[in-house]
Amino acid sequence: MATPTFTRSFLRLFSAPIIWAVHFLAVYTITGIACARPQLQRQWLGMDAVVLGICVASAVAIAAICVLHLRDWRRRLRSGKTDFTHWTASSLGLLSVIAIFWETIPVFLVPVCGVP
């Protein structure tokens, strides 16, 4: 098996935090635009569209992290060895999923834009 390149190792290690960062940026961008432009706030499927958009973005981000790490986990099981990078990537993936949950929880507890 060939030695992994720096770029491949870097992306494997930081894929979950990158997905979390993109999710973080998307959630706060969507919320900021919706709060700055009240005419953009709509109801869809009986829910506020911003809340629904944040929930969908969270589900997509968590699914992407799970798919990437399951693929990496299977590859490591086939090769029969695990290394520090593998465990670190898995730990960062779990931490990123927890961070995404923590970003999503306030949507259900606090009104969007502070208007009840």
PDB file of N, CA and C in Angstrom:
ATOM      1  N   MET A   1       0.840  -1.174   0.000  1.00  0.00           N
ATOM      2  CA  MET A   1       0.000   0.000   0.000  1.00  0.00           C
ATOM      3  C   MET A   1       0.886   1.239   0.000  1.00  0.00           C
ATOM      4  N   ALA A   2       0.573   2.178  -0.827  1.00  0.00           N
ATOM      5  CA  ALA A   2       1.373   3.394  -0.968  1.00  0.00           C
ATOM      6  C   ALA A   2       1.181   4.300   0.235  1.00  0.00           C
ATOM      7  N   THR A   3       2.195   5.077   0.521  1.00  0.00           N
ATOM      8  CA  THR A   3       2.115   6.046   1.601  1.00  0.00           C
ATOM      9  C   THR A   3       1.154   7.160   1.194  1.00  0.00           C
ATOM     10  N   PRO A   4       0.195   7.487   2.090  1.00  0.00           N
ATOM     11  CA  PRO A   4      -0.748   8.550   1.732  1.00  0.00           C
ATOM     12  C   PRO A   4      -0.057   9.898   1.623  1.00  0.00           C
ATOM     13  N   THR A   5      -0.549  10.689   0.718  1.00  0.00           N
ATOM     14  CA  THR A   5       0.007  12.020   0.542  1.00  0.00           C
ATOM     15  C   THR A   5      -0.454  12.933   1.670  1.00  0.00           C
ATOM     16  N   PHE A   6       0.207  14.058   1.799  1.00  0.00           N
ATOM     17  CA  PHE A   6      -0.158  15.019   2.837  1.00  0.00           C
ATOM     18  C   PHE A   6      -1.585  15.509   2.644  1.00  0.00           C
ATOM     19  N   THR A   7      -1.948  15.808   1.409  1.00  0.00           N
ATOM     20  CA  THR A   7      -3.290  16.339   1.137  1.00  0.00           C
ATOM     21  C   THR A   7      -4.362  15.326   1.501  1.00  0.00           C
ATOM     22  N   ARG A   8      -4.155  14.079   1.139  1.00  0.00           N
ATOM     23  CA  ARG A   8      -5.132  13.032   1.461  1.00  0.00           C
ATOM     24  C   ARG A   8      -5.253  12.855   2.973  1.00  0.00           C
ATOM     25  N   SER A   9      -4.140  12.811   3.673  1.00  0.00           N
ATOM     26  CA  SER A   9      -4.170  12.672   5.133  1.00  0.00           C
ATOM     27  C   SER A   9      -4.827  13.886   5.791  1.00  0.00           C
ATOM     28  N   PHE A  10      -4.509  15.068   5.295  1.00  0.00           N
ATOM     29  CA  PHE A  10      -5.082  16.294   5.848  1.00  0.00           C
ATOM     30  C   PHE A  10      -6.598  16.311   5.670  1.00  0.00           C
ATOM     31  N   LEU A  11      -7.064  15.968   4.468  1.00  0.00           N
ATOM     32  CA  LEU A  11      -8.509  15.962   4.223  1.00  0.00           C
ATOM     33  C   LEU A  11      -9.219  14.869   5.010  1.00  0.00           C
ATOM     34  N   ARG A  12      -8.570  13.725   5.158  1.00  0.00           N
ATOM     35  CA  ARG A  12      -9.178  12.658   5.950  1.00  0.00           C
ATOM     36  C   ARG A  12      -9.293  13.091   7.402  1.00  0.00           C
ATOM     37  N   LEU A  13      -8.289  13.767   7.891  1.00  0.00           N
ATOM     38  CA  LEU A  13      -8.275  14.187   9.284  1.00  0.00           C
ATOM     39  C   LEU A  13      -9.259  15.317   9.554  1.00  0.00           C
ATOM     40  N   PHE A  14      -9.334  16.279   8.652  1.00  0.00           N
ATOM     41  CA  PHE A  14     -10.137  17.480   8.904  1.00  0.00           C
ATOM     42  C   PHE A  14     -11.419  17.565   8.081  1.00  0.00           C
ATOM     43  N   SER A  15     -11.869  16.475   7.494  1.00  0.00           N
ATOM     44  CA  SER A  15     -13.101  16.530   6.701  1.00  0.00           C
ATOM     45  C   SER A  15     -14.315  16.877   7.559  1.00  0.00           C
ATOM     46  N   ALA A  16     -14.425  16.265   8.731  1.00  0.00           N
ATOM     47  CA  ALA A  16     -15.571  16.553   9.596  1.00  0.00           C
ATOM     48  C   ALA A  16     -15.567  17.995  10.115  1.00  0.00           C
ATOM     49  N   PRO A  17     -14.447  18.526  10.615  1.00  0.00           N
ATOM     50  CA  PRO A  17     -14.470  19.930  11.025  1.00  0.00           C
ATOM     51  C   PRO A  17     -14.741  20.896   9.871  1.00  0.00           C
ATOM     52  N   ILE A  18     -14.314  20.544   8.660  1.00  0.00           N
ATOM     53  CA  ILE A  18     -14.612  21.398   7.503  1.00  0.00           C
ATOM     54  C   ILE A  18     -16.109  21.379   7.221  1.00  0.00           C
ATOM     55  N   ILE A  19     -16.725  20.189   7.289  1.00  0.00           N
ATOM     56  CA  ILE A  19     -18.180  20.087   7.091  1.00  0.00           C
ATOM     57  C   ILE A  19     -18.896  20.875   8.179  1.00  0.00           C
ATOM     58  N   TRP A  20     -18.439  20.767   9.429  1.00  0.00           N
ATOM     59  CA  TRP A  20     -19.047  21.533  10.509  1.00  0.00           C
ATOM     60  C   TRP A  20     -18.924  23.033  10.256  1.00  0.00           C
ATOM     61  N   ALA A  21     -17.762  23.490   9.808  1.00  0.00           N
ATOM     62  CA  ALA A  21     -17.557  24.919   9.559  1.00  0.00           C
ATOM     63  C   ALA A  21     -18.472  25.422   8.447  1.00  0.00           C
ATOM     64  N   VAL A  22     -18.636  24.633   7.391  1.00  0.00           N
ATOM     65  CA  VAL A  22     -19.542  25.015   6.306  1.00  0.00           C
ATOM     66  C   VAL A  22     -20.980  25.053   6.825  1.00  0.00           C
ATOM     67  N   HIS A  23     -21.339  24.078   7.652  1.00  0.00           N
ATOM     68  CA  HIS A  23     -22.683  24.064   8.248  1.00  0.00           C
ATOM     69  C   HIS A  23     -22.890  25.291   9.131  1.00  0.00           C
ATOM     70  N   PHE A  24     -21.912  25.608   9.960  1.00  0.00           N
ATOM     71  CA  PHE A  24     -21.984  26.775  10.839  1.00  0.00           C
ATOM     72  C   PHE A  24     -22.196  28.049  10.034  1.00  0.00           C
ATOM     73  N   LEU A  25     -21.405  28.208   8.987  1.00  0.00           N
ATOM     74  CA  LEU A  25     -21.527  29.379   8.125  1.00  0.00           C
ATOM     75  C   LEU A  25     -22.892  29.428   7.446  1.00  0.00           C
ATOM     76  N   ALA A  26     -23.374  28.301   6.963  1.00  0.00           N
ATOM     77  CA  ALA A  26     -24.673  28.257   6.283  1.00  0.00           C
ATOM     78  C   ALA A  26     -25.817  28.600   7.243  1.00  0.00           C
ATOM     79  N   VAL A  27     -25.784  28.038   8.450  1.00  0.00           N
ATOM     80  CA  VAL A  27     -26.856  28.293   9.417  1.00  0.00           C
ATOM     81  C   VAL A  27     -26.926  29.774   9.777  1.00  0.00           C
ATOM     82  N   TYR A  28     -25.802  30.371  10.085  1.00  0.00           N
ATOM     83  CA  TYR A  28     -25.824  31.771  10.483  1.00  0.00           C
ATOM     84  C   TYR A  28     -26.047  32.713   9.311  1.00  0.00           C
ATOM     85  N   THR A  29     -25.678  32.314   8.125  1.00  0.00           N
ATOM     86  CA  THR A  29     -25.976  33.124   6.942  1.00  0.00           C
ATOM     87  C   THR A  29     -27.464  33.107   6.649  1.00  0.00           C
ATOM     88  N   ILE A  30     -28.057  31.918   6.656  1.00  0.00           N
ATOM     89  CA  ILE A  30     -29.501  31.796   6.405  1.00  0.00           C
ATOM     90  C   ILE A  30     -30.290  32.573   7.451  1.00  0.00           C
ATOM     91  N   THR A  31     -29.920  32.412   8.718  1.00  0.00           N
ATOM     92  CA  THR A  31     -30.641  33.107   9.790  1.00  0.00           C
ATOM     93  C   THR A  31     -30.450  34.616   9.697  1.00  0.00           C
ATOM     94  N   GLY A  32     -29.247  35.066   9.421  1.00  0.00           N
ATOM     95  CA  GLY A  32     -28.979  36.504   9.314  1.00  0.00           C
ATOM     96  C   GLY A  32     -29.739  37.151   8.176  1.00  0.00           C
ATOM     97  N   ILE A  33     -29.767  36.492   7.027  1.00  0.00           N
ATOM     98  CA  ILE A  33     -30.505  37.043   5.883  1.00  0.00           C
ATOM     99  C   ILE A  33     -31.999  37.053   6.172  1.00  0.00           C
ATOM    100  N   ALA A  34     -32.508  35.988   6.768  1.00  0.00           N
ATOM    101  CA  ALA A  34     -33.948  35.927   7.068  1.00  0.00           C
ATOM    102  C   ALA A  34     -34.345  36.979   8.101  1.00  0.00           C
ATOM    103  N   CYS A  35     -33.479  37.245   9.069  1.00  0.00           N
ATOM    104  CA  CYS A  35     -33.805  38.255  10.082  1.00  0.00           C
ATOM    105  C   CYS A  35     -33.656  39.673   9.530  1.00  0.00           C
ATOM    106  N   ALA A  36     -32.732  39.872   8.599  1.00  0.00           N
ATOM    107  CA  ALA A  36     -32.541  41.200   8.013  1.00  0.00           C
ATOM    108  C   ALA A  36     -33.646  41.529   7.015  1.00  0.00           C
ATOM    109  N   ARG A  37     -34.208  40.524   6.401  1.00  0.00           N
ATOM    110  CA  ARG A  37     -35.272  40.696   5.408  1.00  0.00           C
ATOM    111  C   ARG A  37     -36.523  39.940   5.855  1.00  0.00           C
ATOM    112  N   PRO A  38     -37.367  40.561   6.672  1.00  0.00           N
ATOM    113  CA  PRO A  38     -38.545  39.862   7.195  1.00  0.00           C
ATOM    114  C   PRO A  38     -39.494  39.353   6.099  1.00  0.00           C
ATOM    115  N   GLN A  39     -39.470  39.977   4.923  1.00  0.00           N
ATOM    116  CA  GLN A  39     -40.347  39.517   3.850  1.00  0.00           C
ATOM    117  C   GLN A  39     -39.923  38.139   3.325  1.00  0.00           C
ATOM    118  N   LEU A  40     -38.712  37.698   3.651  1.00  0.00           N
ATOM    119  CA  LEU A  40     -38.242  36.381   3.215  1.00  0.00           C
ATOM    120  C   LEU A  40     -38.674  35.259   4.156  1.00  0.00           C
ATOM    121  N   GLN A  41     -39.201  35.621   5.323  1.00  0.00           N
ATOM    122  CA  GLN A  41     -39.643  34.593   6.270  1.00  0.00           C
ATOM    123  C   GLN A  41     -40.963  34.010   5.794  1.00  0.00           C
ATOM    124  N   ARG A  42     -40.963  32.723   5.580  1.00  0.00           N
ATOM    125  CA  ARG A  42     -42.127  32.018   5.059  1.00  0.00           C
ATOM    126  C   ARG A  42     -42.421  30.792   5.902  1.00  0.00           C
ATOM    127  N   GLN A  43     -43.622  30.291   5.775  1.00  0.00           N
ATOM    128  CA  GLN A  43     -44.029  29.024   6.369  1.00  0.00           C
ATOM    129  C   GLN A  43     -44.009  27.965   5.276  1.00  0.00           C
ATOM    130  N   TRP A  44     -43.479  26.788   5.603  1.00  0.00           N
ATOM    131  CA  TRP A  44     -43.459  25.705   4.639  1.00  0.00           C
ATOM    132  C   TRP A  44     -43.662  24.406   5.394  1.00  0.00           C
ATOM    133  N   LEU A  45     -44.625  23.627   4.989  1.00  0.00           N
ATOM    134  CA  LEU A  45     -44.984  22.375   5.656  1.00  0.00           C
ATOM    135  C   LEU A  45     -45.336  22.600   7.129  1.00  0.00           C
ATOM    136  N   GLY A  46     -45.937  23.733   7.416  1.00  0.00           N
ATOM    137  CA  GLY A  46     -46.355  24.047   8.769  1.00  0.00           C
ATOM    138  C   GLY A  46     -45.240  24.504   9.697  1.00  0.00           C
ATOM    139  N   MET A  47     -44.052  24.676   9.154  1.00  0.00           N
ATOM    140  CA  MET A  47     -42.914  25.131   9.958  1.00  0.00           C
ATOM    141  C   MET A  47     -42.328  26.383   9.334  1.00  0.00           C
ATOM    142  N   ASP A  48     -41.613  27.123  10.150  1.00  0.00           N
ATOM    143  CA  ASP A  48     -40.888  28.270   9.632  1.00  0.00           C
ATOM    144  C   ASP A  48     -39.821  27.748   8.663  1.00  0.00           C
ATOM    145  N   ALA A  49     -39.692  28.378   7.518  1.00  0.00           N
ATOM    146  CA  ALA A  49     -38.761  27.907   6.490  1.00  0.00           C
ATOM    147  C   ALA A  49     -37.310  27.952   6.973  1.00  0.00           C
ATOM    148  N   VAL A  50     -36.975  28.911   7.822  1.00  0.00           N
ATOM    149  CA  VAL A  50     -35.615  28.994   8.350  1.00  0.00           C
ATOM    150  C   VAL A  50     -35.330  27.791   9.246  1.00  0.00           C
ATOM    151  N   VAL A  51     -36.271  27.453  10.100  1.00  0.00           N
ATOM    152  CA  VAL A  51     -36.110  26.298  10.983  1.00  0.00           C
ATOM    153  C   VAL A  51     -35.982  25.019  10.162  1.00  0.00           C
ATOM    154  N   LEU A  52     -36.824  24.881   9.173  1.00  0.00           N
ATOM    155  CA  LEU A  52     -36.767  23.709   8.310  1.00  0.00           C
ATOM    156  C   LEU A  52     -35.441  23.651   7.550  1.00  0.00           C
ATOM    157  N   GLY A  53     -34.980  24.784   7.049  1.00  0.00           N
ATOM    158  CA  GLY A  53     -33.701  24.830   6.341  1.00  0.00           C
ATOM    159  C   GLY A  53     -32.528  24.454   7.233  1.00  0.00           C
ATOM    160  N   ILE A  54     -32.550  24.911   8.482  1.00  0.00           N
ATOM    161  CA  ILE A  54     -31.480  24.577   9.422  1.00  0.00           C
ATOM    162  C   ILE A  54     -31.512  23.090   9.760  1.00  0.00           C
ATOM    163  N   CYS A  55     -32.697  22.544   9.942  1.00  0.00           N
ATOM    164  CA  CYS A  55     -32.816  21.108  10.231  1.00  0.00           C
ATOM    165  C   CYS A  55     -32.325  20.261   9.050  1.00  0.00           C
ATOM    166  N   VAL A  56     -32.660  20.661   7.843  1.00  0.00           N
ATOM    167  CA  VAL A  56     -32.201  19.932   6.654  1.00  0.00           C
ATOM    168  C   VAL A  56     -30.685  20.046   6.517  1.00  0.00           C
ATOM    169  N   ALA A  57     -30.146  21.249   6.732  1.00  0.00           N
ATOM    170  CA  ALA A  57     -28.691  21.433   6.654  1.00  0.00           C
ATOM    171  C   ALA A  57     -27.976  20.588   7.703  1.00  0.00           C
ATOM    172  N   SER A  58     -28.550  20.487   8.890  1.00  0.00           N
ATOM    173  CA  SER A  58     -27.951  19.672   9.946  1.00  0.00           C
ATOM    174  C   SER A  58     -27.981  18.196   9.578  1.00  0.00           C
ATOM    175  N   ALA A  59     -29.103  17.738   9.052  1.00  0.00           N
ATOM    176  CA  ALA A  59     -29.206  16.330   8.660  1.00  0.00           C
ATOM    177  C   ALA A  59     -28.221  15.993   7.540  1.00  0.00           C
ATOM    178  N   VAL A  60     -28.073  16.885   6.580  1.00  0.00           N
ATOM    179  CA  VAL A  60     -27.133  16.654   5.469  1.00  0.00           C
ATOM    180  C   VAL A  60     -25.694  16.636   5.985  1.00  0.00           C
ATOM    181  N   ALA A  61     -25.355  17.552   6.875  1.00  0.00           N
ATOM    182  CA  ALA A  61     -23.993  17.608   7.412  1.00  0.00           C
ATOM    183  C   ALA A  61     -23.660  16.362   8.223  1.00  0.00           C
ATOM    184  N   ILE A  62     -24.587  15.931   9.061  1.00  0.00           N
ATOM    185  CA  ILE A  62     -24.355  14.730   9.870  1.00  0.00           C
ATOM    186  C   ILE A  62     -24.255  13.500   8.976  1.00  0.00           C
ATOM    187  N   ALA A  63     -25.103  13.413   7.970  1.00  0.00           N
ATOM    188  CA  ALA A  63     -25.033  12.278   7.037  1.00  0.00           C
ATOM    189  C   ALA A  63     -23.708  12.259   6.282  1.00  0.00           C
ATOM    190  N   ALA A  64     -23.232  13.419   5.866  1.00  0.00           N
ATOM    191  CA  ALA A  64     -21.950  13.489   5.147  1.00  0.00           C
ATOM    192  C   ALA A  64     -20.801  13.031   6.040  1.00  0.00           C
ATOM    193  N   ILE A  65     -20.804  13.457   7.291  1.00  0.00           N
ATOM    194  CA  ILE A  65     -19.750  13.037   8.215  1.00  0.00           C
ATOM    195  C   ILE A  65     -19.816  11.530   8.443  1.00  0.00           C
ATOM    196  N   CYS A  66     -21.019  11.006   8.629  1.00  0.00           N
ATOM    197  CA  CYS A  66     -21.167   9.561   8.850  1.00  0.00           C
ATOM    198  C   CYS A  66     -20.698   8.759   7.638  1.00  0.00           C
ATOM    199  N   VAL A  67     -21.061   9.184   6.440  1.00  0.00           N
ATOM    200  CA  VAL A  67     -20.650   8.469   5.229  1.00  0.00           C
ATOM    201  C   VAL A  67     -19.133   8.477   5.085  1.00  0.00           C
ATOM    202  N   LEU A  68     -18.513   9.626   5.285  1.00  0.00           N
ATOM    203  CA  LEU A  68     -17.056   9.714   5.159  1.00  0.00           C
ATOM    204  C   LEU A  68     -16.336   8.832   6.172  1.00  0.00           C
ATOM    205  N   HIS A  69     -16.817   8.840   7.404  1.00  0.00           N
ATOM    206  CA  HIS A  69     -16.125   8.076   8.430  1.00  0.00           C
ATOM    207  C   HIS A  69     -16.439   6.587   8.369  1.00  0.00           C
ATOM    208  N   LEU A  70     -17.610   6.208   7.930  1.00  0.00           N
ATOM    209  CA  LEU A  70     -17.878   4.786   7.727  1.00  0.00           C
ATOM    210  C   LEU A  70     -17.011   4.225   6.604  1.00  0.00           C
ATOM    211  N   ARG A  71     -16.849   5.005   5.544  1.00  0.00           N
ATOM    212  CA  ARG A  71     -15.986   4.574   4.443  1.00  0.00           C
ATOM    213  C   ARG A  71     -14.540   4.428   4.919  1.00  0.00           C
ATOM    214  N   ASP A  72     -14.083   5.383   5.697  1.00  0.00           N
ATOM    215  CA  ASP A  72     -12.721   5.320   6.228  1.00  0.00           C
ATOM    216  C   ASP A  72     -12.575   4.146   7.199  1.00  0.00           C
ATOM    217  N   TRP A  73     -13.576   3.921   8.020  1.00  0.00           N
ATOM    218  CA  TRP A  73     -13.542   2.828   8.994  1.00  0.00           C
ATOM    219  C   TRP A  73     -13.466   1.473   8.280  1.00  0.00           C
ATOM    220  N   ARG A  74     -14.279   1.291   7.252  1.00  0.00           N
ATOM    221  CA  ARG A  74     -14.242   0.041   6.487  1.00  0.00           C
ATOM    222  C   ARG A  74     -12.896  -0.160   5.811  1.00  0.00           C
ATOM    223  N   ARG A  75     -12.338   0.889   5.265  1.00  0.00           N
ATOM    224  CA  ARG A  75     -11.024   0.805   4.620  1.00  0.00           C
ATOM    225  C   ARG A  75      -9.960   0.400   5.642  1.00  0.00           C
ATOM    226  N   ARG A  76     -10.045   0.942   6.829  1.00  0.00           N
ATOM    227  CA  ARG A  76      -9.073   0.608   7.869  1.00  0.00           C
ATOM    228  C   ARG A  76      -9.265  -0.825   8.365  1.00  0.00           C
ATOM    229  N   LEU A  77     -10.507  -1.287   8.462  1.00  0.00           N
ATOM    230  CA  LEU A  77     -10.743  -2.672   8.886  1.00  0.00           C
ATOM    231  C   LEU A  77     -10.208  -3.656   7.850  1.00  0.00           C
ATOM    232  N   ARG A  78     -10.354  -3.325   6.563  1.00  0.00           N
ATOM    233  CA  ARG A  78      -9.837  -4.192   5.505  1.00  0.00           C
ATOM    234  C   ARG A  78      -8.314  -4.281   5.552  1.00  0.00           C
ATOM    235  N   SER A  79      -7.671  -3.160   5.823  1.00  0.00           N
ATOM    236  CA  SER A  79      -6.210  -3.162   5.850  1.00  0.00           C
ATOM    237  C   SER A  79      -5.675  -3.788   7.134  1.00  0.00           C
ATOM    238  N   GLY A  80      -6.500  -3.862   8.167  1.00  0.00           N
ATOM    239  CA  GLY A  80      -6.091  -4.512   9.407  1.00  0.00           C
ATOM    240  C   GLY A  80      -5.268  -3.669  10.348  1.00  0.00           C
ATOM    241  N   LYS A  81      -5.084  -2.410  10.045  1.00  0.00           N
ATOM    242  CA  LYS A  81      -4.307  -1.570  10.959  1.00  0.00           C
ATOM    243  C   LYS A  81      -4.982  -0.215  11.129  1.00  0.00           C
ATOM    244  N   THR A  82      -4.839   0.286  12.299  1.00  0.00           N
ATOM    245  CA  THR A  82      -5.338   1.630  12.594  1.00  0.00           C
ATOM    246  C   THR A  82      -4.155   2.455  13.080  1.00  0.00           C
ATOM    247  N   ASP A  83      -4.209   3.715  12.811  1.00  0.00           N
ATOM    248  CA  ASP A  83      -3.122   4.589  13.214  1.00  0.00           C
ATOM    249  C   ASP A  83      -3.678   5.801  13.954  1.00  0.00           C
ATOM    250  N   PHE A  84      -2.791   6.642  14.382  1.00  0.00           N
ATOM    251  CA  PHE A  84      -3.175   7.832  15.127  1.00  0.00           C
ATOM    252  C   PHE A  84      -4.101   8.731  14.307  1.00  0.00           C
ATOM    253  N   THR A  85      -3.813   8.855  13.031  1.00  0.00           N
ATOM    254  CA  THR A  85      -4.626   9.709  12.164  1.00  0.00           C
ATOM    255  C   THR A  85      -6.058   9.192  12.095  1.00  0.00           C
ATOM    256  N   HIS A  86      -6.221   7.901  12.024  1.00  0.00           N
ATOM    257  CA  HIS A  86      -7.558   7.319  11.957  1.00  0.00           C
ATOM    258  C   HIS A  86      -8.354   7.634  13.226  1.00  0.00           C
ATOM    259  N   TRP A  87      -7.760   7.405  14.375  1.00  0.00           N
ATOM    260  CA  TRP A  87      -8.476   7.672  15.623  1.00  0.00           C
ATOM    261  C   TRP A  87      -8.730   9.157  15.824  1.00  0.00           C
ATOM    262  N   THR A  88      -7.807   9.980  15.409  1.00  0.00           N
ATOM    263  CA  THR A  88      -8.003  11.425  15.523  1.00  0.00           C
ATOM    264  C   THR A  88      -9.125  11.890  14.608  1.00  0.00           C
ATOM    265  N   ALA A  89      -9.163  11.361  13.387  1.00  0.00           N
ATOM    266  CA  ALA A  89     -10.233  11.719  12.450  1.00  0.00           C
ATOM    267  C   ALA A  89     -11.593  11.281  12.991  1.00  0.00           C
ATOM    268  N   SER A  90     -11.649  10.096  13.573  1.00  0.00           N
ATOM    269  CA  SER A  90     -12.910   9.622  14.155  1.00  0.00           C
ATOM    270  C   SER A  90     -13.337  10.488  15.332  1.00  0.00           C
ATOM    271  N   SER A  91     -12.390  10.874  16.160  1.00  0.00           N
ATOM    272  CA  SER A  91     -12.706  11.731  17.306  1.00  0.00           C
ATOM    273  C   SER A  91     -13.175  13.115  16.856  1.00  0.00           C
ATOM    274  N   LEU A  92     -12.508  13.671  15.854  1.00  0.00           N
ATOM    275  CA  LEU A  92     -12.946  14.963  15.323  1.00  0.00           C
ATOM    276  C   LEU A  92     -14.316  14.853  14.660  1.00  0.00           C
ATOM    277  N   GLY A  93     -14.598  13.711  14.039  1.00  0.00           N
ATOM    278  CA  GLY A  93     -15.919  13.490  13.459  1.00  0.00           C
ATOM    279  C   GLY A  93     -17.005  13.476  14.517  1.00  0.00           C
ATOM    280  N   LEU A  94     -16.755  12.775  15.615  1.00  0.00           N
ATOM    281  CA  LEU A  94     -17.722  12.744  16.713  1.00  0.00           C
ATOM    282  C   LEU A  94     -17.901  14.126  17.322  1.00  0.00           C
ATOM    283  N   LEU A  95     -16.813  14.826  17.507  1.00  0.00           N
ATOM    284  CA  LEU A  95     -16.886  16.185  18.055  1.00  0.00           C
ATOM    285  C   LEU A  95     -17.658  17.118  17.122  1.00  0.00           C
ATOM    286  N   SER A  96     -17.485  16.955  15.827  1.00  0.00           N
ATOM    287  CA  SER A  96     -18.196  17.785  14.851  1.00  0.00           C
ATOM    288  C   SER A  96     -19.688  17.480  14.855  1.00  0.00           C
ATOM    289  N   VAL A  97     -20.051  16.203  14.988  1.00  0.00           N
ATOM    290  CA  VAL A  97     -21.474  15.840  15.059  1.00  0.00           C
ATOM    291  C   VAL A  97     -22.104  16.439  16.315  1.00  0.00           C
ATOM    292  N   ILE A  98     -21.402  16.383  17.435  1.00  0.00           N
ATOM    293  CA  ILE A  98     -21.910  16.989  18.672  1.00  0.00           C
ATOM    294  C   ILE A  98     -22.076  18.498  18.491  1.00  0.00           C
ATOM    295  N   ALA A  99     -21.119  19.140  17.833  1.00  0.00           N
ATOM    296  CA  ALA A  99     -21.213  20.590  17.597  1.00  0.00           C
ATOM    297  C   ALA A  99     -22.411  20.929  16.713  1.00  0.00           C
ATOM    298  N   ILE A 100     -22.673  20.093  15.716  1.00  0.00           N
ATOM    299  CA  ILE A 100     -23.835  20.327  14.842  1.00  0.00           C
ATOM    300  C   ILE A 100     -25.127  20.188  15.635  1.00  0.00           C
ATOM    301  N   PHE A 101     -25.213  19.188  16.516  1.00  0.00           N
ATOM    302  CA  PHE A 101     -26.393  19.053  17.364  1.00  0.00           C
ATOM    303  C   PHE A 101     -26.570  20.284  18.241  1.00  0.00           C
ATOM    304  N   TRP A 102     -25.487  20.773  18.830  1.00  0.00           N
ATOM    305  CA  TRP A 102     -25.561  21.940  19.699  1.00  0.00           C
ATOM    306  C   TRP A 102     -25.963  23.195  18.933  1.00  0.00           C
ATOM    307  N   GLU A 103     -25.610  23.276  17.661  1.00  0.00           N
ATOM    308  CA  GLU A 103     -26.041  24.412  16.847  1.00  0.00           C
ATOM    309  C   GLU A 103     -27.508  24.313  16.468  1.00  0.00           C
ATOM    310  N   THR A 104     -28.033  23.111  16.390  1.00  0.00           N
ATOM    311  CA  THR A 104     -29.404  22.898  15.941  1.00  0.00           C
ATOM    312  C   THR A 104     -30.407  23.013  17.079  1.00  0.00           C
ATOM    313  N   ILE A 105     -30.040  22.659  18.280  1.00  0.00           N
ATOM    314  CA  ILE A 105     -30.958  22.665  19.422  1.00  0.00           C
ATOM    315  C   ILE A 105     -31.628  24.024  19.653  1.00  0.00           C
ATOM    316  N   PRO A 106     -30.922  25.168  19.593  1.00  0.00           N
ATOM    317  CA  PRO A 106     -31.590  26.446  19.850  1.00  0.00           C
ATOM    318  C   PRO A 106     -32.736  26.761  18.882  1.00  0.00           C
ATOM    319  N   VAL A 107     -32.730  26.155  17.707  1.00  0.00           N
ATOM    320  CA  VAL A 107     -33.808  26.393  16.739  1.00  0.00           C
ATOM    321  C   VAL A 107     -35.154  25.985  17.348  1.00  0.00           C
ATOM    322  N   PHE A 108     -35.151  24.958  18.176  1.00  0.00           N
ATOM    323  CA  PHE A 108     -36.383  24.467  18.782  1.00  0.00           C
ATOM    324  C   PHE A 108     -36.723  25.159  20.101  1.00  0.00           C
ATOM    325  N   LEU A 109     -35.771  25.896  20.671  1.00  0.00           N
ATOM    326  CA  LEU A 109     -35.983  26.522  21.975  1.00  0.00           C
ATOM    327  C   LEU A 109     -36.211  28.028  21.908  1.00  0.00           C
ATOM    328  N   VAL A 110     -35.626  28.693  20.922  1.00  0.00           N
ATOM    329  CA  VAL A 110     -35.668  30.146  20.833  1.00  0.00           C
ATOM    330  C   VAL A 110     -36.269  30.521  19.482  1.00  0.00           C
ATOM    331  N   PRO A 111     -37.153  31.501  19.465  1.00  0.00           N
ATOM    332  CA  PRO A 111     -37.695  31.923  18.174  1.00  0.00           C
ATOM    333  C   PRO A 111     -36.601  32.503  17.262  1.00  0.00           C
ATOM    334  N   VAL A 112     -36.729  32.235  15.990  1.00  0.00           N
ATOM    335  CA  VAL A 112     -35.773  32.791  15.020  1.00  0.00           C
ATOM    336  C   VAL A 112     -35.909  34.302  15.040  1.00  0.00           C
ATOM    337  N   CYS A 113     -34.909  35.059  15.007  1.00  0.00           N
ATOM    338  CA  CYS A 113     -34.898  36.525  14.996  1.00  0.00           C
ATOM    339  C   CYS A 113     -35.454  37.144  16.280  1.00  0.00           C
ATOM    340  N   GLY A 114     -35.706  36.351  17.313  1.00  0.00           N
ATOM    341  CA  GLY A 114     -36.143  36.898  18.596  1.00  0.00           C
ATOM    342  C   GLY A 114     -37.560  37.392  18.624  1.00  0.00           C
ATOM    343  N   VAL A 115     -38.371  37.093  17.616  1.00  0.00           N
ATOM    344  CA  VAL A 115     -39.777  37.516  17.591  1.00  0.00           C
ATOM    345  C   VAL A 115     -40.637  36.296  17.885  1.00  0.00           C
ATOM    346  N   PRO A 116     -41.398  36.299  18.990  1.00  0.00           N
ATOM    347  CA  PRO A 116     -42.223  35.120  19.314  1.00  0.00           C
ATOM    348  C   PRO A 116     -43.383  34.916  18.392  1.00  0.00           C
TER     349      PRO A 116
END
